[in-house]
Each structure stands twice: as structure tokens, then as C-alpha cells.
Amino acid sequence: MESSELEDLCSYFNTKISNIKKYLQLRKIGKDQWLKSVLHKIAKDMMIVHDLLSNMEIEVKQQEKLKNSLEELQKVSERDKNEAQHLSEHIPTYLPKPTQHCIVVPTVKHEKQTKVKPGPAKKPAKEKIVIKEIALITAEEFADVPVYLKGRLTYDQINAVVQELNKAVVRKYKIMHQPLKFMNFATRNLYQRFTEDENKHTKGEFFIVEADIKEFTPMKVDKRFHSILSILRHCRRVREVRGSRLIRYVI
């Protein structure tokens, strides 16, 4: 027999002898009342510890579930973030750009003269005038436009014309609501023409004519331009009011 095997055998017998001694000592506990009460107390404490360990085990399992849920949520959030970043960097060119449909212009309110007691001069009250603009054509509306109206016109070309028309509308009605005393000679002539272009069908409406387009935009009023106007009429962005050999494009 090798020495290592002999040492292992001795260790095994020593362990068994030590356990037998402990068992003999424990047998005496049942005859000692003081030791018996200590054992009862230890048993109660062990039950309390057991309950605490059970509760801790339940809490650990709940925390593990919560951790897994948070990790899954983090993965979903990261995926959504990447998708949003991709969409932000690849916005389709055919989507309409944001535009204001109305422009607010301050104007001077002229009040009737009344007799009042002498006092400090008051500045005329200002009121805001809202200038209506043409809304851009959406991709869905463009898709519904008949082919014979669109021809070779693109979505971007139509909305580019809409933006130029809006510039003309804003510049025209800024002049219309400007006090006469602040107008120069050229502006007064424009104001006079604007008032002459109006009729009973355009009262309270915002409209432009071809002369306004030539005055305030670089666009040419040609066949292509009239084709785009036909599309805008089809999409109910403008309507025509004719009279006195003049076509008024009402928004």
C-alpha cells in the first residue's frame, strides 16, 4: 500500500471517529433541560432565517426578471434609435417641406376722429392681419393627379411654384395693409392696381393675378406654369375668378 493511500485511510477513520464523538455528545442534550431550551430557541431562529432566505430568493428572482426586461427594453430602444437615425438621414425628397399657411402682418388701424379732451397724443392701435397662403401638395395628392394633367411635371416642381406664389401673395398683401403715408410713388401705383383688380367676387379673399406673379417672382407665365395651375385647381388649392378680361387666382 502506498503512503498516500494510507494517509487517506487514516484521515477517513479520524473523520468518522470525530463524528461519532459529536453524536455521543448530542445524545446527552436531551437529558439536559437547559440545553433543550437552547435547542428550541435555535430551532425557532432557524425557521426565521429560513423564511428570510425564502423571501430573499423570491426577491432575487423578481430582480432577475426585471433585469431581463430592462435589457430587452434597452435593445428595443437602441433598435428604434438606429431606425430613427436612419430615417432622419434618408428623408424622401418628395415629402413636402414645412410651410406656414398664414402670415401675420401688423397693420395700422385707422379710427374715426372724435372730439376728446386735450391730452397726451396716443399712437394708433395696431391690429394683426393674417395673410393666407397656399398649402403644399402632399405626396398622396400628387399620386392621385391624373396623368394627362401631370405630364412630365414632378412633385418638387409643383411645390416650388407653390412657394413662389406664396411669396407673391405675402408681398402683395403687405402692401395692401401698409399705411398710404408710408408708400413711395411706385408702391402707390401697385396699391392702385391691386384695388382695381378686385371685384365683388373677391371681396374678403386673397388672390393674385399674372401681373402680381411677374412683379414679385422670377417665374415665367408660360404653358408649363398654366399646367401647374391646373393641378393646383384640381387639388383645390386655388380657384379662378374671371371678369374684365382678368383671371384672378383665389387661394
C-alpha atoms as a PDB file:
ATOM      1  CA  MET A   1       0.000   0.000   0.000  1.00  0.00           C
ATOM      2  CA  GLU A   2       1.362   3.371  -0.926  1.00  0.00           C
ATOM      3  CA  SER A   3       1.861   6.100   1.683  1.00  0.00           C
ATOM      4  CA  SER A   4      -0.725   8.423   0.089  1.00  0.00           C
ATOM      5  CA  GLU A   5      -3.403   5.761   0.278  1.00  0.00           C
ATOM      6  CA  LEU A   6      -2.533   5.083   3.905  1.00  0.00           C
ATOM      7  CA  GLU A   7      -2.826   8.773   4.733  1.00  0.00           C
ATOM      8  CA  ASP A   8      -6.225   8.995   3.060  1.00  0.00           C
ATOM      9  CA  LEU A   9      -7.416   5.934   5.036  1.00  0.00           C
ATOM     10  CA  CYS A  10      -6.232   7.439   8.305  1.00  0.00           C
ATOM     11  CA  SER A  11      -7.954  10.715   7.506  1.00  0.00           C
ATOM     12  CA  TYR A  12     -11.172   8.881   6.733  1.00  0.00           C
ATOM     13  CA  PHE A  13     -11.126   6.978  10.073  1.00  0.00           C
ATOM     14  CA  ASN A  14     -10.284  10.147  12.009  1.00  0.00           C
ATOM     15  CA  THR A  15     -13.280  11.902  10.470  1.00  0.00           C
ATOM     16  CA  LYS A  16     -15.566   9.024  11.369  1.00  0.00           C
ATOM     17  CA  ILE A  17     -14.295   8.952  14.961  1.00  0.00           C
ATOM     18  CA  SER A  18     -14.816  12.725  15.279  1.00  0.00           C
ATOM     19  CA  ASN A  19     -18.392  12.420  14.043  1.00  0.00           C
ATOM     20  CA  ILE A  20     -19.128   9.589  16.497  1.00  0.00           C
ATOM     21  CA  LYS A  21     -17.879  11.725  19.378  1.00  0.00           C
ATOM     22  CA  LYS A  22     -20.201  14.566  18.309  1.00  0.00           C
ATOM     23  CA  TYR A  23     -23.147  12.155  18.089  1.00  0.00           C
ATOM     24  CA  LEU A  24     -22.449  10.876  21.640  1.00  0.00           C
ATOM     25  CA  GLN A  25     -22.321  14.466  22.926  1.00  0.00           C
ATOM     26  CA  LEU A  26     -25.626  15.280  21.228  1.00  0.00           C
ATOM     27  CA  ARG A  27     -27.310  12.280  22.879  1.00  0.00           C
ATOM     28  CA  LYS A  28     -26.739  13.906  26.257  1.00  0.00           C
ATOM     29  CA  ILE A  29     -28.532  17.116  25.223  1.00  0.00           C
ATOM     30  CA  GLY A  30     -31.952  15.511  25.521  1.00  0.00           C
ATOM     31  CA  LYS A  31     -31.350  14.828  29.247  1.00  0.00           C
ATOM     32  CA  ASP A  32     -30.264  18.433  29.999  1.00  0.00           C
ATOM     33  CA  GLN A  33     -33.264  20.856  30.314  1.00  0.00           C
ATOM     34  CA  TRP A  34     -31.125  23.975  29.805  1.00  0.00           C
ATOM     35  CA  LEU A  35     -29.603  22.628  26.621  1.00  0.00           C
ATOM     36  CA  LYS A  36     -33.066  21.553  25.435  1.00  0.00           C
ATOM     37  CA  SER A  37     -34.397  25.154  25.738  1.00  0.00           C
ATOM     38  CA  VAL A  38     -31.368  26.407  23.843  1.00  0.00           C
ATOM     39  CA  LEU A  39     -32.107  23.922  21.072  1.00  0.00           C
ATOM     40  CA  HIS A  40     -35.726  25.130  20.848  1.00  0.00           C
ATOM     41  CA  LYS A  41     -34.544  28.710  20.563  1.00  0.00           C
ATOM     42  CA  ILE A  42     -32.061  27.727  17.875  1.00  0.00           C
ATOM     43  CA  ALA A  43     -34.848  25.898  16.009  1.00  0.00           C
ATOM     44  CA  LYS A  44     -37.059  28.994  16.067  1.00  0.00           C
ATOM     45  CA  ASP A  45     -34.187  31.166  14.843  1.00  0.00           C
ATOM     46  CA  MET A  46     -33.501  28.685  12.070  1.00  0.00           C
ATOM     47  CA  MET A  47     -37.147  28.884  10.959  1.00  0.00           C
ATOM     48  CA  ILE A  48     -36.956  32.684  10.876  1.00  0.00           C
ATOM     49  CA  VAL A  49     -33.725  32.533   8.886  1.00  0.00           C
ATOM     50  CA  HIS A  50     -35.308  30.000   6.543  1.00  0.00           C
ATOM     51  CA  ASP A  51     -38.265  32.345   5.895  1.00  0.00           C
ATOM     52  CA  LEU A  52     -35.902  35.265   5.289  1.00  0.00           C
ATOM     53  CA  LEU A  53     -33.875  33.204   2.849  1.00  0.00           C
ATOM     54  CA  SER A  54     -37.072  32.177   1.022  1.00  0.00           C
ATOM     55  CA  ASN A  55     -38.175  35.822   0.730  1.00  0.00           C
ATOM     56  CA  MET A  56     -34.713  36.811  -0.474  1.00  0.00           C
ATOM     57  CA  GLU A  57     -34.829  34.066  -3.079  1.00  0.00           C
ATOM     58  CA  ILE A  58     -38.196  35.342  -4.347  1.00  0.00           C
ATOM     59  CA  GLU A  59     -36.863  38.919  -4.462  1.00  0.00           C
ATOM     60  CA  VAL A  60     -33.744  37.819  -6.331  1.00  0.00           C
ATOM     61  CA  LYS A  61     -35.894  36.032  -8.945  1.00  0.00           C
ATOM     62  CA  GLN A  62     -38.050  39.172  -9.369  1.00  0.00           C
ATOM     63  CA  GLN A  63     -34.947  41.318  -9.759  1.00  0.00           C
ATOM     64  CA  GLU A  64     -33.613  38.896 -12.364  1.00  0.00           C
ATOM     65  CA  LYS A  65     -36.876  39.153 -14.301  1.00  0.00           C
ATOM     66  CA  LEU A  66     -36.755  42.954 -14.058  1.00  0.00           C
ATOM     67  CA  LYS A  67     -33.133  42.940 -15.216  1.00  0.00           C
ATOM     68  CA  ASN A  68     -34.023  40.786 -18.220  1.00  0.00           C
ATOM     69  CA  SER A  69     -36.962  43.080 -19.063  1.00  0.00           C
ATOM     70  CA  LEU A  70     -34.734  46.160 -18.848  1.00  0.00           C
ATOM     71  CA  GLU A  71     -32.134  44.540 -21.073  1.00  0.00           C
ATOM     72  CA  GLU A  72     -34.821  43.702 -23.641  1.00  0.00           C
ATOM     73  CA  LEU A  73     -36.196  47.239 -23.428  1.00  0.00           C
ATOM     74  CA  GLN A  74     -32.709  48.622 -23.931  1.00  0.00           C
ATOM     75  CA  LYS A  75     -32.284  46.503 -27.059  1.00  0.00           C
ATOM     76  CA  VAL A  76     -35.652  47.703 -28.439  1.00  0.00           C
ATOM     77  CA  SER A  77     -34.812  51.339 -27.638  1.00  0.00           C
ATOM     78  CA  GLU A  78     -31.436  51.013 -29.327  1.00  0.00           C
ATOM     79  CA  ARG A  79     -33.078  49.486 -32.403  1.00  0.00           C
ATOM     80  CA  ASP A  80     -35.704  52.283 -32.534  1.00  0.00           C
ATOM     81  CA  LYS A  81     -32.951  54.880 -32.121  1.00  0.00           C
ATOM     82  CA  ASN A  82     -30.996  53.423 -35.039  1.00  0.00           C
ATOM     83  CA  GLU A  83     -34.139  53.293 -37.202  1.00  0.00           C
ATOM     84  CA  ALA A  84     -34.987  56.918 -36.339  1.00  0.00           C
ATOM     85  CA  GLN A  85     -31.432  57.965 -37.153  1.00  0.00           C
ATOM     86  CA  HIS A  86     -31.635  56.143 -40.468  1.00  0.00           C
ATOM     87  CA  LEU A  87     -34.971  57.797 -41.323  1.00  0.00           C
ATOM     88  CA  SER A  88     -33.606  61.206 -40.345  1.00  0.00           C
ATOM     89  CA  GLU A  89     -30.635  60.748 -42.674  1.00  0.00           C
ATOM     90  CA  HIS A  90     -32.735  59.384 -45.552  1.00  0.00           C
ATOM     91  CA  ILE A  91     -35.824  61.624 -45.664  1.00  0.00           C
ATOM     92  CA  PRO A  92     -37.531  61.188 -49.059  1.00  0.00           C
ATOM     93  CA  THR A  93     -37.208  64.230 -51.302  1.00  0.00           C
ATOM     94  CA  TYR A  94     -40.859  64.008 -52.344  1.00  0.00           C
ATOM     95  CA  LEU A  95     -42.172  64.844 -48.870  1.00  0.00           C
ATOM     96  CA  PRO A  96     -43.473  68.446 -48.570  1.00  0.00           C
ATOM     97  CA  LYS A  97     -41.322  70.876 -46.668  1.00  0.00           C
ATOM     98  CA  PRO A  98     -42.957  72.602 -43.664  1.00  0.00           C
ATOM     99  CA  THR A  99     -44.629  75.852 -44.582  1.00  0.00           C
ATOM    100  CA  GLN A 100     -46.855  78.381 -42.915  1.00  0.00           C
ATOM    101  CA  HIS A 101     -50.331  78.627 -44.369  1.00  0.00           C
ATOM    102  CA  CYS A 102     -50.870  82.064 -42.906  1.00  0.00           C
ATOM    103  CA  ILE A 103     -48.607  85.053 -42.375  1.00  0.00           C
ATOM    104  CA  VAL A 104     -49.393  87.601 -39.677  1.00  0.00           C
ATOM    105  CA  VAL A 105     -48.666  91.192 -40.696  1.00  0.00           C
ATOM    106  CA  PRO A 106     -49.030  94.142 -38.325  1.00  0.00           C
ATOM    107  CA  THR A 107     -51.018  96.992 -39.776  1.00  0.00           C
ATOM    108  CA  VAL A 108     -52.284 100.336 -38.561  1.00  0.00           C
ATOM    109  CA  LYS A 109     -55.923 100.628 -37.591  1.00  0.00           C
ATOM    110  CA  HIS A 110     -57.417 103.958 -38.672  1.00  0.00           C
ATOM    111  CA  GLU A 111     -60.108 105.118 -36.243  1.00  0.00           C
ATOM    112  CA  LYS A 112     -62.760 107.780 -36.759  1.00  0.00           C
ATOM    113  CA  GLN A 113     -61.975 111.200 -35.339  1.00  0.00           C
ATOM    114  CA  THR A 114     -63.986 112.120 -32.282  1.00  0.00           C
ATOM    115  CA  LYS A 115     -63.880 115.127 -30.022  1.00  0.00           C
ATOM    116  CA  VAL A 116     -61.932 114.376 -26.905  1.00  0.00           C
ATOM    117  CA  LYS A 117     -60.426 116.416 -24.167  1.00  0.00           C
ATOM    118  CA  PRO A 118     -56.880 117.651 -24.750  1.00  0.00           C
ATOM    119  CA  GLY A 119     -54.381 115.128 -23.500  1.00  0.00           C
ATOM    120  CA  PRO A 120     -51.226 113.282 -24.459  1.00  0.00           C
ATOM    121  CA  ALA A 121     -51.229 112.052 -28.049  1.00  0.00           C
ATOM    122  CA  LYS A 122     -51.860 108.341 -28.434  1.00  0.00           C
ATOM    123  CA  LYS A 123     -50.339 106.153 -31.114  1.00  0.00           C
ATOM    124  CA  PRO A 124     -52.868 104.476 -33.429  1.00  0.00           C
ATOM    125  CA  ALA A 125     -53.725 100.978 -32.284  1.00  0.00           C
ATOM    126  CA  LYS A 126     -52.152  98.152 -34.258  1.00  0.00           C
ATOM    127  CA  GLU A 127     -54.038  95.090 -35.390  1.00  0.00           C
ATOM    128  CA  LYS A 128     -52.749  91.923 -36.955  1.00  0.00           C
ATOM    129  CA  ILE A 129     -53.767  90.873 -40.440  1.00  0.00           C
ATOM    130  CA  VAL A 130     -53.454  87.181 -41.350  1.00  0.00           C
ATOM    131  CA  ILE A 131     -52.301  86.568 -44.926  1.00  0.00           C
ATOM    132  CA  LYS A 132     -53.484  83.230 -46.249  1.00  0.00           C
ATOM    133  CA  GLU A 133     -51.021  81.072 -48.190  1.00  0.00           C
ATOM    134  CA  ILE A 134     -51.325  78.059 -50.483  1.00  0.00           C
ATOM    135  CA  ALA A 135     -50.676  74.743 -48.746  1.00  0.00           C
ATOM    136  CA  LEU A 136     -48.071  72.487 -50.360  1.00  0.00           C
ATOM    137  CA  ILE A 137     -49.233  69.463 -52.329  1.00  0.00           C
ATOM    138  CA  THR A 138     -48.805  66.184 -50.456  1.00  0.00           C
ATOM    139  CA  ALA A 139     -47.363  63.018 -51.976  1.00  0.00           C
ATOM    140  CA  GLU A 140     -50.766  61.306 -51.774  1.00  0.00           C
ATOM    141  CA  GLU A 141     -52.469  64.179 -53.610  1.00  0.00           C
ATOM    142  CA  PHE A 142     -49.791  64.178 -56.315  1.00  0.00           C
ATOM    143  CA  ALA A 143     -50.263  60.435 -56.826  1.00  0.00           C
ATOM    144  CA  ASP A 144     -54.000  60.991 -57.397  1.00  0.00           C
ATOM    145  CA  VAL A 145     -53.491  63.693 -60.047  1.00  0.00           C
ATOM    146  CA  PRO A 146     -54.467  62.326 -63.483  1.00  0.00           C
ATOM    147  CA  VAL A 147     -51.565  61.541 -65.801  1.00  0.00           C
ATOM    148  CA  TYR A 148     -52.867  63.879 -68.504  1.00  0.00           C
ATOM    149  CA  LEU A 149     -52.570  66.793 -66.035  1.00  0.00           C
ATOM    150  CA  LYS A 150     -49.147  65.874 -64.653  1.00  0.00           C
ATOM    151  CA  GLY A 151     -47.417  65.130 -67.926  1.00  0.00           C
ATOM    152  CA  ARG A 152     -43.691  65.287 -67.146  1.00  0.00           C
ATOM    153  CA  LEU A 153     -44.103  67.595 -64.169  1.00  0.00           C
ATOM    154  CA  THR A 154     -42.581  66.382 -60.925  1.00  0.00           C
ATOM    155  CA  TYR A 155     -43.780  66.699 -57.359  1.00  0.00           C
ATOM    156  CA  ASP A 156     -40.907  69.033 -56.420  1.00  0.00           C
ATOM    157  CA  GLN A 157     -41.532  71.315 -59.414  1.00  0.00           C
ATOM    158  CA  ILE A 158     -45.160  71.853 -58.398  1.00  0.00           C
ATOM    159  CA  ASN A 159     -44.339  72.699 -54.795  1.00  0.00           C
ATOM    160  CA  ALA A 160     -41.536  75.019 -55.924  1.00  0.00           C
ATOM    161  CA  VAL A 161     -44.151  77.014 -57.861  1.00  0.00           C
ATOM    162  CA  VAL A 162     -46.442  76.993 -54.802  1.00  0.00           C
ATOM    163  CA  GLN A 163     -43.673  78.552 -52.717  1.00  0.00           C
ATOM    164  CA  GLU A 164     -43.106  81.284 -55.301  1.00  0.00           C
ATOM    165  CA  LEU A 165     -46.842  82.017 -55.457  1.00  0.00           C
ATOM    166  CA  ASN A 166     -46.904  82.336 -51.675  1.00  0.00           C
ATOM    167  CA  LYS A 167     -44.079  84.873 -51.833  1.00  0.00           C
ATOM    168  CA  ALA A 168     -46.111  86.926 -54.295  1.00  0.00           C
ATOM    169  CA  VAL A 169     -49.234  86.748 -52.101  1.00  0.00           C
ATOM    170  CA  VAL A 170     -47.347  87.863 -48.985  1.00  0.00           C
ATOM    171  CA  ARG A 171     -45.597  90.776 -50.724  1.00  0.00           C
ATOM    172  CA  LYS A 172     -48.837  91.931 -52.338  1.00  0.00           C
ATOM    173  CA  TYR A 173     -50.912  91.951 -49.164  1.00  0.00           C
ATOM    174  CA  LYS A 174     -48.162  93.531 -47.094  1.00  0.00           C
ATOM    175  CA  ILE A 175     -48.526  96.485 -49.444  1.00  0.00           C
ATOM    176  CA  MET A 176     -52.323  96.309 -49.259  1.00  0.00           C
ATOM    177  CA  HIS A 177     -52.175  96.707 -45.474  1.00  0.00           C
ATOM    178  CA  GLN A 178     -49.453  99.341 -45.438  1.00  0.00           C
ATOM    179  CA  PRO A 179     -50.485 102.920 -44.493  1.00  0.00           C
ATOM    180  CA  LEU A 180     -50.644 105.148 -47.568  1.00  0.00           C
ATOM    181  CA  LYS A 181     -48.462 107.828 -45.997  1.00  0.00           C
ATOM    182  CA  PHE A 182     -45.542 105.412 -45.884  1.00  0.00           C
ATOM    183  CA  MET A 183     -45.784 104.422 -49.573  1.00  0.00           C
ATOM    184  CA  ASN A 184     -43.490 105.773 -52.255  1.00  0.00           C
ATOM    185  CA  PHE A 185     -44.680 106.549 -55.774  1.00  0.00           C
ATOM    186  CA  ALA A 186     -44.055 103.052 -57.188  1.00  0.00           C
ATOM    187  CA  THR A 187     -45.755 101.355 -54.242  1.00  0.00           C
ATOM    188  CA  ARG A 188     -48.770 103.664 -54.561  1.00  0.00           C
ATOM    189  CA  ASN A 189     -49.138 102.653 -58.212  1.00  0.00           C
ATOM    190  CA  LEU A 190     -49.070  98.974 -57.211  1.00  0.00           C
ATOM    191  CA  TYR A 191     -51.636  99.616 -54.493  1.00  0.00           C
ATOM    192  CA  GLN A 192     -53.877 101.363 -57.002  1.00  0.00           C
ATOM    193  CA  ARG A 193     -53.650  98.411 -59.399  1.00  0.00           C
ATOM    194  CA  PHE A 194     -54.391  95.929 -56.593  1.00  0.00           C
ATOM    195  CA  THR A 195     -57.611  97.736 -55.714  1.00  0.00           C
ATOM    196  CA  GLU A 196     -58.655  97.954 -59.362  1.00  0.00           C
ATOM    197  CA  ASP A 197     -58.158  94.173 -59.766  1.00  0.00           C
ATOM    198  CA  GLU A 198     -60.736  93.457 -57.054  1.00  0.00           C
ATOM    199  CA  ASN A 199     -64.406  92.802 -57.754  1.00  0.00           C
ATOM    200  CA  LYS A 200     -67.455  91.703 -55.805  1.00  0.00           C
ATOM    201  CA  HIS A 201     -66.440  88.027 -56.074  1.00  0.00           C
ATOM    202  CA  THR A 202     -63.026  88.585 -54.468  1.00  0.00           C
ATOM    203  CA  LYS A 203     -64.179  90.696 -51.528  1.00  0.00           C
ATOM    204  CA  GLY A 204     -62.504  89.402 -48.379  1.00  0.00           C
ATOM    205  CA  GLU A 205     -60.470  86.855 -50.393  1.00  0.00           C
ATOM    206  CA  PHE A 206     -56.736  86.567 -51.043  1.00  0.00           C
ATOM    207  CA  PHE A 207     -55.868  86.348 -54.721  1.00  0.00           C
ATOM    208  CA  ILE A 208     -53.173  87.170 -57.253  1.00  0.00           C
ATOM    209  CA  VAL A 209     -53.128  87.840 -60.972  1.00  0.00           C
ATOM    210  CA  GLU A 210     -50.480  87.264 -63.625  1.00  0.00           C
ATOM    211  CA  ALA A 211     -49.202  90.814 -63.187  1.00  0.00           C
ATOM    212  CA  ASP A 212     -48.505  90.069 -59.491  1.00  0.00           C
ATOM    213  CA  ILE A 213     -46.598  86.928 -60.418  1.00  0.00           C
ATOM    214  CA  LYS A 214     -44.448  88.841 -62.903  1.00  0.00           C
ATOM    215  CA  GLU A 215     -43.927  91.661 -60.391  1.00  0.00           C
ATOM    216  CA  PHE A 216     -42.900  89.600 -57.352  1.00  0.00           C
ATOM    217  CA  THR A 217     -41.441  86.336 -58.718  1.00  0.00           C
ATOM    218  CA  PRO A 218     -38.885  85.327 -61.364  1.00  0.00           C
ATOM    219  CA  MET A 219     -41.308  82.803 -62.856  1.00  0.00           C
ATOM    220  CA  LYS A 220     -42.432  82.849 -66.446  1.00  0.00           C
ATOM    221  CA  VAL A 221     -46.174  82.729 -67.048  1.00  0.00           C
ATOM    222  CA  ASP A 222     -45.950  80.130 -69.807  1.00  0.00           C
ATOM    223  CA  LYS A 223     -47.588  76.845 -70.813  1.00  0.00           C
ATOM    224  CA  ARG A 224     -45.767  74.913 -68.071  1.00  0.00           C
ATOM    225  CA  PHE A 225     -46.919  77.417 -65.452  1.00  0.00           C
ATOM    226  CA  HIS A 226     -50.554  77.112 -66.549  1.00  0.00           C
ATOM    227  CA  SER A 227     -50.245  73.299 -66.406  1.00  0.00           C
ATOM    228  CA  ILE A 228     -49.172  73.587 -62.772  1.00  0.00           C
ATOM    229  CA  LEU A 229     -52.094  75.932 -62.080  1.00  0.00           C
ATOM    230  CA  SER A 230     -54.430  73.270 -63.499  1.00  0.00           C
ATOM    231  CA  ILE A 231     -53.001  70.777 -60.992  1.00  0.00           C
ATOM    232  CA  LEU A 232     -53.449  73.293 -58.155  1.00  0.00           C
ATOM    233  CA  ARG A 233     -57.075  73.778 -59.183  1.00  0.00           C
ATOM    234  CA  HIS A 234     -57.534  70.007 -59.305  1.00  0.00           C
ATOM    235  CA  CYS A 235     -56.136  69.729 -55.747  1.00  0.00           C
ATOM    236  CA  ARG A 236     -58.386  72.621 -54.630  1.00  0.00           C
ATOM    237  CA  ARG A 237     -55.519  74.918 -53.768  1.00  0.00           C
ATOM    238  CA  VAL A 238     -56.709  77.777 -55.980  1.00  0.00           C
ATOM    239  CA  ARG A 239     -59.805  78.675 -57.966  1.00  0.00           C
ATOM    240  CA  GLU A 240     -60.299  81.108 -60.813  1.00  0.00           C
ATOM    241  CA  VAL A 241     -62.480  84.192 -60.802  1.00  0.00           C
ATOM    242  CA  ARG A 242     -62.769  85.763 -64.237  1.00  0.00           C
ATOM    243  CA  GLY A 243     -64.060  89.195 -65.178  1.00  0.00           C
ATOM    244  CA  SER A 244     -62.982  92.363 -67.008  1.00  0.00           C
ATOM    245  CA  ARG A 245     -60.535  90.312 -69.108  1.00  0.00           C
ATOM    246  CA  LEU A 246     -58.645  89.348 -65.958  1.00  0.00           C
ATOM    247  CA  ILE A 247     -58.082  85.966 -64.314  1.00  0.00           C
ATOM    248  CA  ARG A 248     -57.830  86.095 -60.550  1.00  0.00           C
ATOM    249  CA  TYR A 249     -56.305  83.091 -58.775  1.00  0.00           C
ATOM    250  CA  VAL A 250     -58.090  82.931 -55.411  1.00  0.00           C
ATOM    251  CA  ILE A 251     -56.496  80.918 -52.594  1.00  0.00           C
END
